[in-house]
Amino acid sequence: MYTEVFPKLFIGIDVHKRQWSVSIFTANCHHKIFSQAPDPKALKSYLANPPAGQRFVQS
C-alpha cells in the first residue's frame, strides 16, 4: 500500500486596496510571506503550483 503524506498549509491574506500580503505557514513552521498586487488570478496561479512535496487544499 502506498500512502502520500502532504503537510497542511495555512494561508493568511492581509487585504488592502493597493496590495495583498500573503503568509503561508505549516502546522510546525513559517513557510513564506510575500506581497502581490490585489489580483485573485495571480494568487490562484501561485497556489496552483505549490512547492515540491506540498499541496494546497481548499476548505
C-alpha atoms as a PDB file:
ATOM      1  CA  MET A   1       0.000   0.000   0.000  1.00  0.00           C
ATOM      2  CA  TYR A   2       1.301   3.439  -0.958  1.00  0.00           C
ATOM      3  CA  THR A   3       0.259   6.474   1.062  1.00  0.00           C
ATOM      4  CA  GLU A   4       1.119  10.068   0.193  1.00  0.00           C
ATOM      5  CA  VAL A   5       1.564  12.484   3.071  1.00  0.00           C
ATOM      6  CA  PHE A   6       1.399  16.221   2.448  1.00  0.00           C
ATOM      7  CA  PRO A   7       1.768  18.834   5.195  1.00  0.00           C
ATOM      8  CA  LYS A   8      -1.255  21.094   5.596  1.00  0.00           C
ATOM      9  CA  LEU A   9      -0.557  24.664   4.565  1.00  0.00           C
ATOM     10  CA  PHE A  10      -2.384  27.568   6.170  1.00  0.00           C
ATOM     11  CA  ILE A  11      -2.688  30.777   4.170  1.00  0.00           C
ATOM     12  CA  GLY A  12      -3.438  34.206   5.607  1.00  0.00           C
ATOM     13  CA  ILE A  13      -4.175  37.192   3.398  1.00  0.00           C
ATOM     14  CA  ASP A  14      -3.985  40.791   4.606  1.00  0.00           C
ATOM     15  CA  VAL A  15      -6.090  42.612   2.009  1.00  0.00           C
ATOM     16  CA  HIS A  16      -5.561  46.272   1.157  1.00  0.00           C
ATOM     17  CA  LYS A  17      -6.579  48.400  -1.792  1.00  0.00           C
ATOM     18  CA  ARG A  18      -3.118  48.565  -3.410  1.00  0.00           C
ATOM     19  CA  GLN A  19      -1.555  45.233  -2.400  1.00  0.00           C
ATOM     20  CA  TRP A  20      -2.112  41.974  -0.564  1.00  0.00           C
ATOM     21  CA  SER A  21       0.275  40.498   1.977  1.00  0.00           C
ATOM     22  CA  VAL A  22       0.137  36.696   1.826  1.00  0.00           C
ATOM     23  CA  SER A  23       1.526  34.497   4.629  1.00  0.00           C
ATOM     24  CA  ILE A  24       1.927  30.742   4.274  1.00  0.00           C
ATOM     25  CA  PHE A  25       2.522  28.506   7.292  1.00  0.00           C
ATOM     26  CA  THR A  26       2.569  24.804   8.077  1.00  0.00           C
ATOM     27  CA  ALA A  27       1.462  23.454  11.445  1.00  0.00           C
ATOM     28  CA  ASN A  28       5.104  23.490  12.561  1.00  0.00           C
ATOM     29  CA  CYS A  29       6.772  26.468  10.919  1.00  0.00           C
ATOM     30  CA  HIS A  30       6.569  29.604   8.829  1.00  0.00           C
ATOM     31  CA  HIS A  31       6.962  28.907   5.115  1.00  0.00           C
ATOM     32  CA  LYS A  32       6.792  32.190   3.205  1.00  0.00           C
ATOM     33  CA  ILE A  33       5.498  35.781   3.264  1.00  0.00           C
ATOM     34  CA  PHE A  34       5.139  37.819   0.095  1.00  0.00           C
ATOM     35  CA  SER A  35       3.281  40.860  -1.224  1.00  0.00           C
ATOM     36  CA  GLN A  36       1.438  40.982  -4.501  1.00  0.00           C
ATOM     37  CA  ALA A  37      -0.903  43.161  -6.495  1.00  0.00           C
ATOM     38  CA  PRO A  38      -4.563  42.707  -5.496  1.00  0.00           C
ATOM     39  CA  ASP A  39      -5.220  40.168  -8.232  1.00  0.00           C
ATOM     40  CA  PRO A  40      -7.115  36.953  -7.396  1.00  0.00           C
ATOM     41  CA  LYS A  41      -5.941  35.296 -10.631  1.00  0.00           C
ATOM     42  CA  ALA A  42      -2.274  35.853  -9.702  1.00  0.00           C
ATOM     43  CA  LEU A  43      -2.824  34.302  -6.263  1.00  0.00           C
ATOM     44  CA  LYS A  44      -4.688  31.360  -7.787  1.00  0.00           C
ATOM     45  CA  SER A  45      -1.822  30.863 -10.244  1.00  0.00           C
ATOM     46  CA  TYR A  46       0.707  30.791  -7.387  1.00  0.00           C
ATOM     47  CA  LEU A  47      -1.390  28.329  -5.390  1.00  0.00           C
ATOM     48  CA  ALA A  48      -1.848  26.105  -8.456  1.00  0.00           C
ATOM     49  CA  ASN A  49       1.926  25.448  -8.424  1.00  0.00           C
ATOM     50  CA  PRO A  50       2.818  24.562  -4.823  1.00  0.00           C
ATOM     51  CA  PRO A  51       6.378  23.936  -3.642  1.00  0.00           C
ATOM     52  CA  ALA A  52       7.728  20.412  -4.184  1.00  0.00           C
ATOM     53  CA  GLY A  53       6.217  17.850  -1.822  1.00  0.00           C
ATOM     54  CA  GLN A  54       3.370  20.099  -0.733  1.00  0.00           C
ATOM     55  CA  ARG A  55      -0.212  20.593  -1.769  1.00  0.00           C
ATOM     56  CA  PHE A  56      -2.664  23.446  -1.211  1.00  0.00           C
ATOM     57  CA  VAL A  57      -6.132  22.305  -0.180  1.00  0.00           C
ATOM     58  CA  GLN A  58      -9.225  24.496  -0.284  1.00  0.00           C
ATOM     59  CA  SER A  59     -11.699  24.382   2.561  1.00  0.00           C
END
